[in-house]
Amino acid sequence: MRTARLTVTAAILGALALPALSAPSAIAAPNSSPASTTTSRPCDRLGPWVIATKAVTIRSKATSRSIARGVLYRGHKFTVHKSAGSWHYITDKTTGVKGWVSGAYVYRDVYFCLD
């Protein structure tokens, strides 16, 4: 019984490894575009700022012990003016409140393109 189980396990693992072994290796193509030309593709620009939790406290200073000025909820539009360490100075476009939010909860979305 044990040898049959080992045989089946080895056959499954071999079948799973076969596509990885037979796939050609990817080699990065050299950058053939000259540095003077500027191409604007959606993949080259940074995405919008998004909130990673349900709500983030907007603070008066870039510290978690400072006075809370408001709350930035998921779905609110906001502008990031500057960053200091892991804190971002923002303006909530929905309420108009300005202040600092932690970078642990607010991040820049990344575009993903297949070329």
N, C-alpha and C. Protein backbone atom coordinates (compact mmCIF):
# COMPACT_ATOMS: atom_id res chain seq x y z
N MET A 1 0.83 -1.19 0.00
CA MET A 1 0.00 0.00 0.00
C MET A 1 0.87 1.26 0.00
N ARG A 2 1.93 1.23 0.81
CA ARG A 2 2.81 2.39 0.90
C ARG A 2 3.56 2.64 -0.41
N THR A 3 4.02 1.58 -1.07
CA THR A 3 4.74 1.76 -2.32
C THR A 3 3.81 2.28 -3.42
N ALA A 4 2.56 1.88 -3.40
CA ALA A 4 1.61 2.38 -4.39
C ALA A 4 1.38 3.88 -4.17
N ARG A 5 1.29 4.28 -2.93
CA ARG A 5 1.09 5.70 -2.61
C ARG A 5 2.30 6.52 -3.04
N LEU A 6 3.50 5.99 -2.82
CA LEU A 6 4.73 6.68 -3.24
C LEU A 6 4.81 6.78 -4.75
N THR A 7 4.40 5.74 -5.44
CA THR A 7 4.43 5.73 -6.90
C THR A 7 3.47 6.77 -7.47
N VAL A 8 2.27 6.84 -6.91
CA VAL A 8 1.28 7.81 -7.37
C VAL A 8 1.77 9.23 -7.08
N THR A 9 2.33 9.45 -5.89
CA THR A 9 2.84 10.77 -5.52
C THR A 9 3.97 11.20 -6.46
N ALA A 10 4.87 10.28 -6.77
CA ALA A 10 5.98 10.60 -7.68
C ALA A 10 5.46 10.91 -9.08
N ALA A 11 4.44 10.19 -9.53
CA ALA A 11 3.88 10.45 -10.86
C ALA A 11 3.21 11.82 -10.92
N ILE A 12 2.50 12.19 -9.87
CA ILE A 12 1.83 13.50 -9.83
C ILE A 12 2.86 14.62 -9.80
N LEU A 13 3.87 14.48 -8.96
CA LEU A 13 4.92 15.50 -8.89
C LEU A 13 5.67 15.62 -10.21
N GLY A 14 5.91 14.51 -10.87
CA GLY A 14 6.57 14.55 -12.18
C GLY A 14 5.73 15.26 -13.22
N ALA A 15 4.42 15.01 -13.18
CA ALA A 15 3.53 15.66 -14.14
C ALA A 15 3.44 17.15 -13.88
N LEU A 16 3.49 17.56 -12.62
CA LEU A 16 3.45 18.99 -12.29
C LEU A 16 4.74 19.69 -12.67
N ALA A 17 5.86 19.00 -12.56
CA ALA A 17 7.16 19.61 -12.85
C ALA A 17 7.46 19.65 -14.35
N LEU A 18 6.80 18.82 -15.13
CA LEU A 18 7.09 18.73 -16.56
C LEU A 18 6.88 20.05 -17.30
N PRO A 19 5.75 20.79 -17.10
CA PRO A 19 5.62 22.06 -17.81
C PRO A 19 6.69 23.08 -17.44
N ALA A 20 7.11 23.08 -16.19
CA ALA A 20 8.13 24.04 -15.77
C ALA A 20 9.48 23.71 -16.38
N LEU A 21 9.77 22.44 -16.54
CA LEU A 21 11.06 22.05 -17.11
C LEU A 21 11.09 22.24 -18.62
N SER A 22 9.96 22.06 -19.29
CA SER A 22 9.96 22.16 -20.74
C SER A 22 9.74 23.57 -21.25
N ALA A 23 9.36 24.51 -20.37
CA ALA A 23 9.12 25.89 -20.79
C ALA A 23 10.45 26.57 -21.12
N PRO A 24 10.50 27.37 -22.18
CA PRO A 24 11.74 28.08 -22.49
C PRO A 24 12.01 29.16 -21.44
N SER A 25 13.27 29.39 -21.20
CA SER A 25 13.61 30.40 -20.20
C SER A 25 13.42 31.79 -20.80
N ALA A 26 12.96 32.71 -19.97
CA ALA A 26 12.72 34.08 -20.43
C ALA A 26 14.00 34.88 -20.33
N ILE A 27 14.30 35.60 -21.38
CA ILE A 27 15.48 36.45 -21.40
C ILE A 27 15.00 37.86 -21.66
N ALA A 28 15.47 38.79 -20.87
CA ALA A 28 15.07 40.18 -21.03
C ALA A 28 15.63 40.74 -22.32
N ALA A 29 14.79 41.40 -23.06
CA ALA A 29 15.23 42.02 -24.31
C ALA A 29 15.99 43.30 -24.00
N PRO A 30 16.99 43.62 -24.76
CA PRO A 30 17.73 44.85 -24.51
C PRO A 30 16.84 46.06 -24.79
N ASN A 31 17.11 47.12 -24.11
CA ASN A 31 16.35 48.36 -24.28
C ASN A 31 16.79 49.00 -25.59
N SER A 32 15.95 48.87 -26.61
CA SER A 32 16.34 49.36 -27.92
C SER A 32 15.84 50.77 -28.19
N SER A 33 14.95 51.30 -27.34
CA SER A 33 14.43 52.65 -27.59
C SER A 33 15.44 53.68 -27.11
N PRO A 34 15.68 54.70 -27.88
CA PRO A 34 16.62 55.73 -27.46
C PRO A 34 16.08 56.51 -26.26
N ALA A 35 16.99 57.04 -25.48
CA ALA A 35 16.62 57.75 -24.26
C ALA A 35 15.90 59.07 -24.55
N SER A 36 16.06 59.60 -25.76
CA SER A 36 15.47 60.89 -26.07
C SER A 36 13.97 60.80 -26.33
N THR A 37 13.48 59.64 -26.78
CA THR A 37 12.06 59.52 -27.04
C THR A 37 11.32 59.19 -25.76
N THR A 38 10.20 59.86 -25.57
CA THR A 38 9.39 59.60 -24.39
C THR A 38 8.10 58.94 -24.84
N THR A 39 7.88 57.76 -24.34
CA THR A 39 6.65 57.06 -24.64
C THR A 39 5.77 57.08 -23.41
N SER A 40 4.52 57.35 -23.61
CA SER A 40 3.59 57.40 -22.50
C SER A 40 2.64 56.22 -22.60
N ARG A 41 2.90 55.22 -21.80
CA ARG A 41 2.05 54.06 -21.75
C ARG A 41 1.37 54.03 -20.39
N PRO A 42 0.21 53.42 -20.28
CA PRO A 42 -0.45 53.33 -18.98
C PRO A 42 0.40 52.59 -17.95
N CYS A 43 1.29 51.70 -18.41
CA CYS A 43 2.13 50.94 -17.48
C CYS A 43 3.23 51.79 -16.87
N ASP A 44 3.61 52.87 -17.53
CA ASP A 44 4.73 53.67 -17.08
C ASP A 44 4.35 54.67 -15.99
N ARG A 45 3.07 54.94 -15.82
CA ARG A 45 2.70 55.92 -14.81
C ARG A 45 2.22 55.24 -13.54
N LEU A 46 2.33 55.95 -12.44
CA LEU A 46 1.89 55.43 -11.17
C LEU A 46 0.38 55.49 -11.07
N GLY A 47 -0.16 54.58 -10.33
CA GLY A 47 -1.61 54.52 -10.17
C GLY A 47 -2.10 55.49 -9.11
N PRO A 48 -3.40 55.46 -8.85
CA PRO A 48 -3.98 56.36 -7.85
C PRO A 48 -3.65 55.91 -6.43
N TRP A 49 -3.78 56.84 -5.51
CA TRP A 49 -3.62 56.52 -4.10
C TRP A 49 -4.88 55.84 -3.62
N VAL A 50 -4.74 54.79 -2.82
CA VAL A 50 -5.88 54.06 -2.30
C VAL A 50 -5.71 53.81 -0.80
N ILE A 51 -6.82 53.51 -0.15
CA ILE A 51 -6.82 53.23 1.29
C ILE A 51 -6.90 51.73 1.48
N ALA A 52 -6.03 51.18 2.32
CA ALA A 52 -5.94 49.74 2.51
C ALA A 52 -6.91 49.21 3.56
N THR A 53 -7.54 50.06 4.36
CA THR A 53 -8.46 49.63 5.40
C THR A 53 -9.80 50.34 5.22
N LYS A 54 -10.72 50.12 6.16
CA LYS A 54 -12.03 50.78 6.08
C LYS A 54 -11.91 52.28 6.34
N ALA A 55 -11.03 52.66 7.27
CA ALA A 55 -10.88 54.08 7.61
C ALA A 55 -9.49 54.34 8.17
N VAL A 56 -9.01 55.55 7.95
CA VAL A 56 -7.69 55.99 8.44
C VAL A 56 -7.88 57.32 9.15
N THR A 57 -7.24 57.49 10.29
CA THR A 57 -7.33 58.74 11.03
C THR A 57 -6.41 59.78 10.41
N ILE A 58 -6.94 60.95 10.15
CA ILE A 58 -6.14 62.07 9.65
C ILE A 58 -5.62 62.82 10.88
N ARG A 59 -4.32 62.97 10.99
CA ARG A 59 -3.68 63.56 12.17
C ARG A 59 -3.11 64.94 11.87
N SER A 60 -2.91 65.74 12.95
CA SER A 60 -2.36 67.08 12.79
C SER A 60 -0.86 67.07 12.52
N LYS A 61 -0.15 66.04 13.00
CA LYS A 61 1.28 65.88 12.77
C LYS A 61 1.56 64.45 12.33
N ALA A 62 2.74 64.21 11.84
CA ALA A 62 3.12 62.89 11.34
C ALA A 62 3.53 61.97 12.47
N THR A 63 2.62 61.75 13.42
CA THR A 63 2.83 60.84 14.53
C THR A 63 1.49 60.31 15.01
N SER A 64 1.48 59.09 15.49
CA SER A 64 0.22 58.48 15.92
C SER A 64 -0.30 59.07 17.23
N ARG A 65 0.50 59.86 17.92
CA ARG A 65 0.08 60.47 19.18
C ARG A 65 -0.44 61.89 19.01
N SER A 66 -0.48 62.39 17.79
CA SER A 66 -0.95 63.76 17.56
C SER A 66 -2.48 63.80 17.52
N ILE A 67 -3.02 64.99 17.50
CA ILE A 67 -4.47 65.21 17.54
C ILE A 67 -5.11 64.74 16.24
N ALA A 68 -6.23 64.04 16.36
CA ALA A 68 -6.98 63.58 15.19
C ALA A 68 -7.78 64.74 14.62
N ARG A 69 -7.68 64.95 13.31
CA ARG A 69 -8.43 66.02 12.64
C ARG A 69 -9.66 65.50 11.93
N GLY A 70 -9.62 64.25 11.53
CA GLY A 70 -10.73 63.67 10.80
C GLY A 70 -10.47 62.23 10.46
N VAL A 71 -11.36 61.68 9.67
CA VAL A 71 -11.25 60.28 9.26
C VAL A 71 -11.35 60.22 7.74
N LEU A 72 -10.47 59.45 7.15
CA LEU A 72 -10.46 59.23 5.71
C LEU A 72 -10.99 57.82 5.47
N TYR A 73 -12.18 57.74 4.88
CA TYR A 73 -12.82 56.45 4.65
C TYR A 73 -12.47 55.89 3.29
N ARG A 74 -12.56 54.57 3.17
CA ARG A 74 -12.35 53.92 1.88
C ARG A 74 -13.37 54.47 0.88
N GLY A 75 -12.91 54.81 -0.29
CA GLY A 75 -13.78 55.37 -1.31
C GLY A 75 -13.68 56.88 -1.42
N HIS A 76 -13.16 57.54 -0.37
CA HIS A 76 -12.95 58.99 -0.44
C HIS A 76 -11.82 59.28 -1.41
N LYS A 77 -11.96 60.32 -2.16
CA LYS A 77 -10.89 60.79 -3.03
C LYS A 77 -10.00 61.71 -2.21
N PHE A 78 -8.70 61.61 -2.40
CA PHE A 78 -7.77 62.46 -1.66
C PHE A 78 -6.54 62.72 -2.49
N THR A 79 -5.84 63.79 -2.13
CA THR A 79 -4.62 64.21 -2.80
C THR A 79 -3.47 64.13 -1.82
N VAL A 80 -2.36 63.56 -2.24
CA VAL A 80 -1.16 63.51 -1.42
C VAL A 80 -0.27 64.66 -1.86
N HIS A 81 0.05 65.57 -0.92
CA HIS A 81 0.88 66.73 -1.23
C HIS A 81 2.36 66.46 -1.03
N LYS A 82 2.70 65.76 0.04
CA LYS A 82 4.10 65.45 0.32
C LYS A 82 4.17 64.24 1.24
N SER A 83 5.35 63.66 1.34
CA SER A 83 5.57 62.51 2.20
C SER A 83 6.78 62.76 3.08
N ALA A 84 6.70 62.27 4.30
CA ALA A 84 7.81 62.37 5.25
C ALA A 84 7.93 61.04 5.97
N GLY A 85 8.96 60.29 5.60
CA GLY A 85 9.10 58.96 6.19
C GLY A 85 7.96 58.08 5.71
N SER A 86 7.24 57.50 6.64
CA SER A 86 6.11 56.64 6.28
C SER A 86 4.77 57.36 6.45
N TRP A 87 4.78 58.69 6.46
CA TRP A 87 3.56 59.49 6.60
C TRP A 87 3.34 60.34 5.36
N HIS A 88 2.07 60.58 5.04
CA HIS A 88 1.71 61.37 3.86
C HIS A 88 0.79 62.52 4.28
N TYR A 89 1.10 63.72 3.80
CA TYR A 89 0.26 64.88 4.05
C TYR A 89 -0.79 64.93 2.94
N ILE A 90 -2.07 64.83 3.32
CA ILE A 90 -3.14 64.68 2.32
C ILE A 90 -4.22 65.74 2.50
N THR A 91 -5.05 65.85 1.47
CA THR A 91 -6.29 66.61 1.55
C THR A 91 -7.41 65.68 1.13
N ASP A 92 -8.38 65.49 2.02
CA ASP A 92 -9.55 64.69 1.71
C ASP A 92 -10.48 65.53 0.84
N LYS A 93 -10.68 65.14 -0.40
CA LYS A 93 -11.49 65.94 -1.33
C LYS A 93 -12.98 65.90 -0.97
N THR A 94 -13.39 64.89 -0.23
CA THR A 94 -14.79 64.78 0.16
C THR A 94 -15.15 65.76 1.26
N THR A 95 -14.28 65.88 2.28
CA THR A 95 -14.57 66.74 3.43
C THR A 95 -13.73 68.01 3.47
N GLY A 96 -12.61 68.04 2.73
CA GLY A 96 -11.72 69.19 2.74
C GLY A 96 -10.72 69.19 3.88
N VAL A 97 -10.69 68.15 4.69
CA VAL A 97 -9.78 68.07 5.83
C VAL A 97 -8.36 67.79 5.33
N LYS A 98 -7.39 68.54 5.89
CA LYS A 98 -5.98 68.34 5.56
C LYS A 98 -5.27 67.80 6.79
N GLY A 99 -4.29 66.92 6.55
CA GLY A 99 -3.52 66.38 7.67
C GLY A 99 -2.65 65.22 7.22
N TRP A 100 -2.12 64.50 8.19
CA TRP A 100 -1.18 63.42 7.95
C TRP A 100 -1.87 62.07 8.15
N VAL A 101 -1.57 61.13 7.28
CA VAL A 101 -2.03 59.75 7.42
C VAL A 101 -0.84 58.82 7.32
N SER A 102 -0.94 57.69 8.00
CA SER A 102 0.15 56.72 8.00
C SER A 102 0.25 56.00 6.67
N GLY A 103 1.46 55.81 6.20
CA GLY A 103 1.70 55.09 4.96
C GLY A 103 1.42 53.60 5.08
N ALA A 104 1.19 53.11 6.31
CA ALA A 104 0.83 51.70 6.49
C ALA A 104 -0.58 51.42 5.99
N TYR A 105 -1.41 52.47 5.88
CA TYR A 105 -2.80 52.30 5.48
C TYR A 105 -3.13 52.96 4.14
N VAL A 106 -2.24 53.77 3.63
CA VAL A 106 -2.46 54.48 2.37
C VAL A 106 -1.27 54.15 1.46
N TYR A 107 -1.55 53.74 0.24
CA TYR A 107 -0.46 53.38 -0.66
C TYR A 107 -0.81 53.73 -2.09
N ARG A 108 0.20 53.71 -2.93
CA ARG A 108 0.04 54.01 -4.35
C ARG A 108 -0.27 52.73 -5.10
N ASP A 109 -1.34 52.69 -5.83
CA ASP A 109 -1.72 51.52 -6.60
C ASP A 109 -0.76 51.37 -7.77
N VAL A 110 -0.55 50.15 -8.23
CA VAL A 110 0.40 49.86 -9.29
C VAL A 110 -0.34 49.29 -10.48
N TYR A 111 -0.06 49.81 -11.67
CA TYR A 111 -0.64 49.27 -12.89
C TYR A 111 0.14 48.04 -13.31
N PHE A 112 -0.55 47.11 -13.90
CA PHE A 112 0.07 45.88 -14.36
C PHE A 112 -0.24 45.70 -15.84
N CYS A 113 0.77 45.65 -16.66
CA CYS A 113 0.59 45.51 -18.10
C CYS A 113 1.35 44.31 -18.62
N LEU A 114 0.77 43.70 -19.61
CA LEU A 114 1.44 42.59 -20.31
C LEU A 114 1.81 43.08 -21.70
N ASP A 115 3.07 43.10 -21.99
CA ASP A 115 3.52 43.53 -23.33
C ASP A 115 4.15 42.38 -24.04
